[in-house]
């Protein structure tokens, strides 16, 4: 039976640092893959399913950091699926540049 992929956005591999801020703490992680809808982040600190966090990261084509709210949607083995809230137009532009370089 074929696998059904319900993702709205294609994922692209990446490897860059991400700062994750929750209500009472800030932790560092590494982005493993990314799409227009969110990212997979690996970190050693537990992120609570359903919580909202603020992400800060630098896309390669950008001269300033991207900051976006995200919801913790799932986790497995210290990797967390984070769904972006609203992205600014310049951040979408930076993501599209990254996807072009990744063969997207």
N, C-alpha and C. Protein backbone atom coordinates (compact mmCIF):
# COMPACT_ATOMS: atom_id res chain seq x y z
N UNK A 1 0.85 -1.19 0.00
CA UNK A 1 0.00 0.00 0.00
C UNK A 1 0.89 1.25 0.00
N UNK A 2 0.64 2.23 -0.87
CA UNK A 2 1.49 3.42 -0.93
C UNK A 2 1.32 4.30 0.30
N UNK A 3 2.41 4.98 0.65
CA UNK A 3 2.37 5.91 1.77
C UNK A 3 1.73 7.22 1.32
N UNK A 4 0.84 7.76 2.14
CA UNK A 4 0.19 9.03 1.83
C UNK A 4 0.90 10.13 2.60
N UNK A 5 1.32 11.18 1.90
CA UNK A 5 1.98 12.31 2.53
C UNK A 5 1.01 13.48 2.52
N UNK A 6 0.56 13.88 3.69
CA UNK A 6 -0.41 14.96 3.80
C UNK A 6 0.24 16.33 4.02
N UNK A 7 1.52 16.44 3.82
CA UNK A 7 2.21 17.70 4.05
C UNK A 7 1.86 18.71 2.95
N UNK A 8 1.63 19.94 3.39
CA UNK A 8 1.29 21.00 2.44
C UNK A 8 2.54 21.57 1.77
N UNK A 9 3.71 21.42 2.43
CA UNK A 9 4.95 22.01 1.92
C UNK A 9 6.07 20.97 1.91
N UNK A 10 6.85 20.98 0.84
CA UNK A 10 7.98 20.08 0.75
C UNK A 10 9.05 20.46 1.76
N UNK A 11 9.69 19.47 2.37
CA UNK A 11 10.78 19.70 3.32
C UNK A 11 12.12 19.69 2.60
N UNK A 12 13.04 20.52 3.11
CA UNK A 12 14.39 20.60 2.56
C UNK A 12 15.39 20.42 3.69
N UNK A 13 16.44 19.61 3.44
CA UNK A 13 17.44 19.42 4.49
C UNK A 13 18.19 20.72 4.78
N UNK A 14 18.58 20.89 6.02
CA UNK A 14 19.36 22.05 6.41
C UNK A 14 20.17 21.69 7.65
N UNK A 15 21.02 22.59 8.08
CA UNK A 15 21.81 22.37 9.27
C UNK A 15 22.28 23.73 9.76
N UNK A 16 21.49 24.37 10.63
CA UNK A 16 21.90 25.65 11.20
C UNK A 16 21.32 25.79 12.60
N UNK A 17 21.96 26.61 13.43
CA UNK A 17 21.50 26.76 14.82
C UNK A 17 20.17 27.50 14.91
N UNK A 18 19.38 27.13 15.91
CA UNK A 18 18.08 27.75 16.18
C UNK A 18 17.99 28.01 17.68
N UNK A 19 17.59 29.21 18.04
CA UNK A 19 17.29 29.53 19.43
C UNK A 19 15.80 29.39 19.63
N UNK A 20 15.41 28.67 20.67
CA UNK A 20 14.01 28.40 20.97
C UNK A 20 13.69 29.01 22.32
N UNK A 21 12.75 29.96 22.32
CA UNK A 21 12.35 30.60 23.57
C UNK A 21 10.94 30.17 23.94
N UNK A 22 10.81 29.66 25.15
CA UNK A 22 9.51 29.33 25.69
C UNK A 22 9.12 30.35 26.74
N UNK A 23 8.13 30.01 27.56
CA UNK A 23 7.66 30.95 28.58
C UNK A 23 8.74 31.31 29.58
N UNK A 24 9.52 30.34 30.02
CA UNK A 24 10.47 30.61 31.10
C UNK A 24 11.90 30.22 30.78
N UNK A 25 12.19 29.85 29.53
CA UNK A 25 13.56 29.41 29.23
C UNK A 25 13.91 29.63 27.77
N UNK A 26 15.19 29.57 27.53
CA UNK A 26 15.71 29.66 26.16
C UNK A 26 16.68 28.50 25.98
N UNK A 27 16.53 27.77 24.86
CA UNK A 27 17.40 26.63 24.58
C UNK A 27 17.93 26.75 23.16
N UNK A 28 19.02 26.05 22.90
CA UNK A 28 19.63 26.03 21.57
C UNK A 28 19.35 24.68 20.93
N UNK A 29 19.11 24.71 19.63
CA UNK A 29 18.88 23.49 18.87
C UNK A 29 19.50 23.61 17.50
N UNK A 30 19.30 22.58 16.69
CA UNK A 30 19.80 22.55 15.32
C UNK A 30 18.66 22.21 14.38
N UNK A 31 18.45 23.02 13.37
CA UNK A 31 17.45 22.74 12.35
C UNK A 31 17.94 21.59 11.48
N UNK A 32 17.11 20.58 11.31
CA UNK A 32 17.45 19.40 10.52
C UNK A 32 16.83 19.48 9.13
N UNK A 33 15.56 19.93 9.07
CA UNK A 33 14.93 20.21 7.78
C UNK A 33 13.93 21.34 7.97
N UNK A 34 13.52 21.92 6.83
CA UNK A 34 12.69 23.12 6.90
C UNK A 34 11.77 23.18 5.69
N UNK A 35 10.63 23.83 5.86
CA UNK A 35 9.69 24.08 4.76
C UNK A 35 9.05 25.44 5.02
N UNK A 36 8.16 25.85 4.14
CA UNK A 36 7.43 27.09 4.39
C UNK A 36 6.48 26.96 5.57
N UNK A 37 6.17 25.74 5.97
CA UNK A 37 5.24 25.52 7.06
C UNK A 37 5.87 25.32 8.42
N UNK A 38 7.16 24.99 8.46
CA UNK A 38 7.80 24.74 9.74
C UNK A 38 9.16 24.10 9.60
N UNK A 39 9.66 23.57 10.71
CA UNK A 39 10.98 22.94 10.69
C UNK A 39 11.05 21.80 11.70
N UNK A 40 12.01 20.93 11.45
CA UNK A 40 12.36 19.87 12.38
C UNK A 40 13.61 20.33 13.10
N UNK A 41 13.54 20.38 14.43
CA UNK A 41 14.67 20.86 15.24
C UNK A 41 15.08 19.77 16.21
N UNK A 42 16.38 19.57 16.32
CA UNK A 42 16.90 18.64 17.30
C UNK A 42 17.44 19.45 18.47
N UNK A 43 17.04 19.08 19.69
CA UNK A 43 17.58 19.74 20.89
C UNK A 43 17.49 18.76 22.05
N UNK A 44 18.30 19.00 23.06
CA UNK A 44 18.37 18.07 24.19
C UNK A 44 17.36 18.41 25.29
N UNK A 45 16.68 19.54 25.17
CA UNK A 45 15.70 19.96 26.16
C UNK A 45 14.30 19.56 25.69
N UNK A 46 13.47 19.10 26.60
CA UNK A 46 12.11 18.68 26.25
C UNK A 46 11.26 19.91 25.94
N UNK A 47 10.60 19.88 24.79
CA UNK A 47 9.62 20.90 24.42
C UNK A 47 8.24 20.28 24.57
N UNK A 48 7.34 20.98 25.19
CA UNK A 48 6.02 20.45 25.51
C UNK A 48 5.11 20.47 24.28
N UNK A 49 4.54 19.30 23.98
CA UNK A 49 3.62 19.19 22.85
C UNK A 49 2.49 20.21 22.99
N UNK A 50 2.19 20.92 21.90
CA UNK A 50 1.11 21.90 21.89
C UNK A 50 1.51 23.28 22.36
N UNK A 51 2.70 23.42 22.93
CA UNK A 51 3.12 24.73 23.41
C UNK A 51 3.54 25.63 22.25
N UNK A 52 3.53 26.93 22.50
CA UNK A 52 3.98 27.91 21.52
C UNK A 52 5.36 28.41 21.95
N UNK A 53 6.27 28.46 21.01
CA UNK A 53 7.63 28.94 21.26
C UNK A 53 7.97 30.01 20.22
N UNK A 54 9.01 30.76 20.50
CA UNK A 54 9.51 31.73 19.53
C UNK A 54 10.85 31.21 19.01
N UNK A 55 10.98 31.13 17.70
CA UNK A 55 12.20 30.66 17.06
C UNK A 55 13.00 31.83 16.54
N UNK A 56 14.32 31.70 16.63
CA UNK A 56 15.22 32.70 16.04
C UNK A 56 16.33 31.94 15.33
N UNK A 57 16.51 32.26 14.03
CA UNK A 57 17.52 31.60 13.22
C UNK A 57 17.92 32.51 12.07
N UNK A 58 19.07 32.23 11.48
CA UNK A 58 19.57 33.02 10.35
C UNK A 58 19.56 32.16 9.10
N UNK A 59 18.77 32.57 8.12
CA UNK A 59 18.76 31.89 6.82
C UNK A 59 19.98 32.35 6.03
N UNK A 60 20.58 31.46 5.24
CA UNK A 60 21.83 31.80 4.53
C UNK A 60 21.76 33.06 3.68
N UNK A 61 20.64 33.35 3.03
CA UNK A 61 20.55 34.50 2.13
C UNK A 61 20.23 35.81 2.88
N UNK A 62 20.03 35.73 4.19
CA UNK A 62 19.57 36.88 4.95
C UNK A 62 20.73 37.55 5.70
N UNK A 63 20.57 38.85 5.95
CA UNK A 63 21.56 39.59 6.75
C UNK A 63 21.08 39.82 8.18
N UNK A 64 19.84 39.42 8.47
CA UNK A 64 19.31 39.53 9.82
C UNK A 64 18.58 38.24 10.17
N UNK A 65 18.36 38.04 11.46
CA UNK A 65 17.71 36.82 11.92
C UNK A 65 16.22 36.82 11.59
N UNK A 66 15.71 35.62 11.40
CA UNK A 66 14.27 35.40 11.28
C UNK A 66 13.76 35.08 12.67
N UNK A 67 12.68 35.72 13.08
CA UNK A 67 12.01 35.40 14.33
C UNK A 67 10.56 35.10 14.00
N UNK A 68 10.09 33.95 14.49
CA UNK A 68 8.73 33.53 14.19
C UNK A 68 8.18 32.69 15.35
N UNK A 69 6.91 32.86 15.64
CA UNK A 69 6.24 31.99 16.60
C UNK A 69 6.02 30.64 15.94
N UNK A 70 6.05 29.59 16.75
CA UNK A 70 5.83 28.24 16.23
C UNK A 70 5.16 27.40 17.30
N UNK A 71 4.42 26.40 16.86
CA UNK A 71 3.76 25.46 17.77
C UNK A 71 4.48 24.12 17.71
N UNK A 72 4.66 23.49 18.86
CA UNK A 72 5.27 22.16 18.93
C UNK A 72 4.20 21.15 18.54
N UNK A 73 4.39 20.49 17.40
CA UNK A 73 3.37 19.58 16.86
C UNK A 73 3.65 18.11 17.13
N UNK A 74 4.92 17.73 17.25
CA UNK A 74 5.26 16.34 17.54
C UNK A 74 6.71 16.25 17.97
N UNK A 75 7.07 15.12 18.57
CA UNK A 75 8.47 14.89 18.92
C UNK A 75 8.79 13.40 18.86
N UNK A 76 10.06 13.14 18.58
CA UNK A 76 10.58 11.77 18.57
C UNK A 76 12.10 11.84 18.70
N UNK A 77 12.63 11.17 19.71
CA UNK A 77 14.08 11.07 19.90
C UNK A 77 14.78 12.43 19.91
N UNK A 78 14.31 13.36 20.73
CA UNK A 78 14.89 14.70 20.86
C UNK A 78 14.81 15.53 19.57
N UNK A 79 13.91 15.17 18.68
CA UNK A 79 13.65 15.98 17.48
C UNK A 79 12.19 16.43 17.56
N UNK A 80 11.97 17.70 17.23
CA UNK A 80 10.65 18.30 17.40
C UNK A 80 10.16 18.91 16.09
N UNK A 81 8.93 18.58 15.73
CA UNK A 81 8.28 19.18 14.57
C UNK A 81 7.61 20.47 15.01
N UNK A 82 8.06 21.61 14.47
CA UNK A 82 7.57 22.92 14.86
C UNK A 82 6.86 23.57 13.68
N UNK A 83 5.61 23.95 13.87
CA UNK A 83 4.82 24.58 12.81
C UNK A 83 4.88 26.10 12.98
N UNK A 84 5.31 26.77 11.90
CA UNK A 84 5.43 28.22 11.93
C UNK A 84 4.07 28.89 12.04
N UNK A 85 4.07 30.04 12.73
CA UNK A 85 2.95 30.96 12.67
C UNK A 85 3.13 31.79 11.40
N UNK A 86 2.86 33.07 11.46
CA UNK A 86 2.98 33.94 10.28
C UNK A 86 4.43 34.33 10.00
N UNK A 87 4.86 34.07 8.78
CA UNK A 87 6.19 34.50 8.33
C UNK A 87 6.09 35.84 7.62
N UNK A 88 7.10 36.67 7.78
CA UNK A 88 7.16 37.93 7.04
C UNK A 88 7.58 37.64 5.60
N UNK A 89 7.25 38.54 4.70
CA UNK A 89 7.57 38.36 3.28
C UNK A 89 9.06 38.15 3.06
N UNK A 90 9.89 38.90 3.77
CA UNK A 90 11.35 38.75 3.57
C UNK A 90 11.83 37.38 4.04
N UNK A 91 11.17 36.80 5.07
CA UNK A 91 11.55 35.47 5.52
C UNK A 91 11.14 34.40 4.51
N UNK A 92 9.98 34.58 3.89
CA UNK A 92 9.56 33.67 2.82
C UNK A 92 10.55 33.75 1.67
N UNK A 93 11.00 34.96 1.33
CA UNK A 93 12.00 35.14 0.28
C UNK A 93 13.28 34.37 0.64
N UNK A 94 13.75 34.52 1.90
CA UNK A 94 14.96 33.83 2.34
C UNK A 94 14.80 32.32 2.31
N UNK A 95 13.64 31.83 2.68
CA UNK A 95 13.39 30.39 2.61
C UNK A 95 13.40 29.91 1.17
N UNK A 96 12.77 30.65 0.27
CA UNK A 96 12.77 30.25 -1.14
C UNK A 96 14.17 30.24 -1.73
N UNK A 97 15.05 31.14 -1.33
CA UNK A 97 16.45 31.11 -1.79
C UNK A 97 17.13 29.83 -1.30
N UNK A 98 16.87 29.46 -0.04
CA UNK A 98 17.44 28.24 0.51
C UNK A 98 16.94 27.02 -0.26
N UNK A 99 15.66 26.99 -0.57
CA UNK A 99 15.09 25.85 -1.30
C UNK A 99 15.68 25.74 -2.70
N UNK A 100 15.90 26.89 -3.37
CA UNK A 100 16.51 26.87 -4.70
C UNK A 100 17.90 26.25 -4.66
N UNK A 101 18.68 26.58 -3.64
CA UNK A 101 20.03 26.03 -3.51
C UNK A 101 20.01 24.54 -3.14
N UNK A 102 18.89 24.10 -2.53
CA UNK A 102 18.74 22.70 -2.14
C UNK A 102 18.17 21.85 -3.27
N UNK A 103 17.95 22.47 -4.42
CA UNK A 103 17.43 21.72 -5.56
C UNK A 103 15.92 21.73 -5.66
N UNK A 104 15.27 22.65 -4.93
CA UNK A 104 13.81 22.70 -4.93
C UNK A 104 13.24 23.54 -6.02
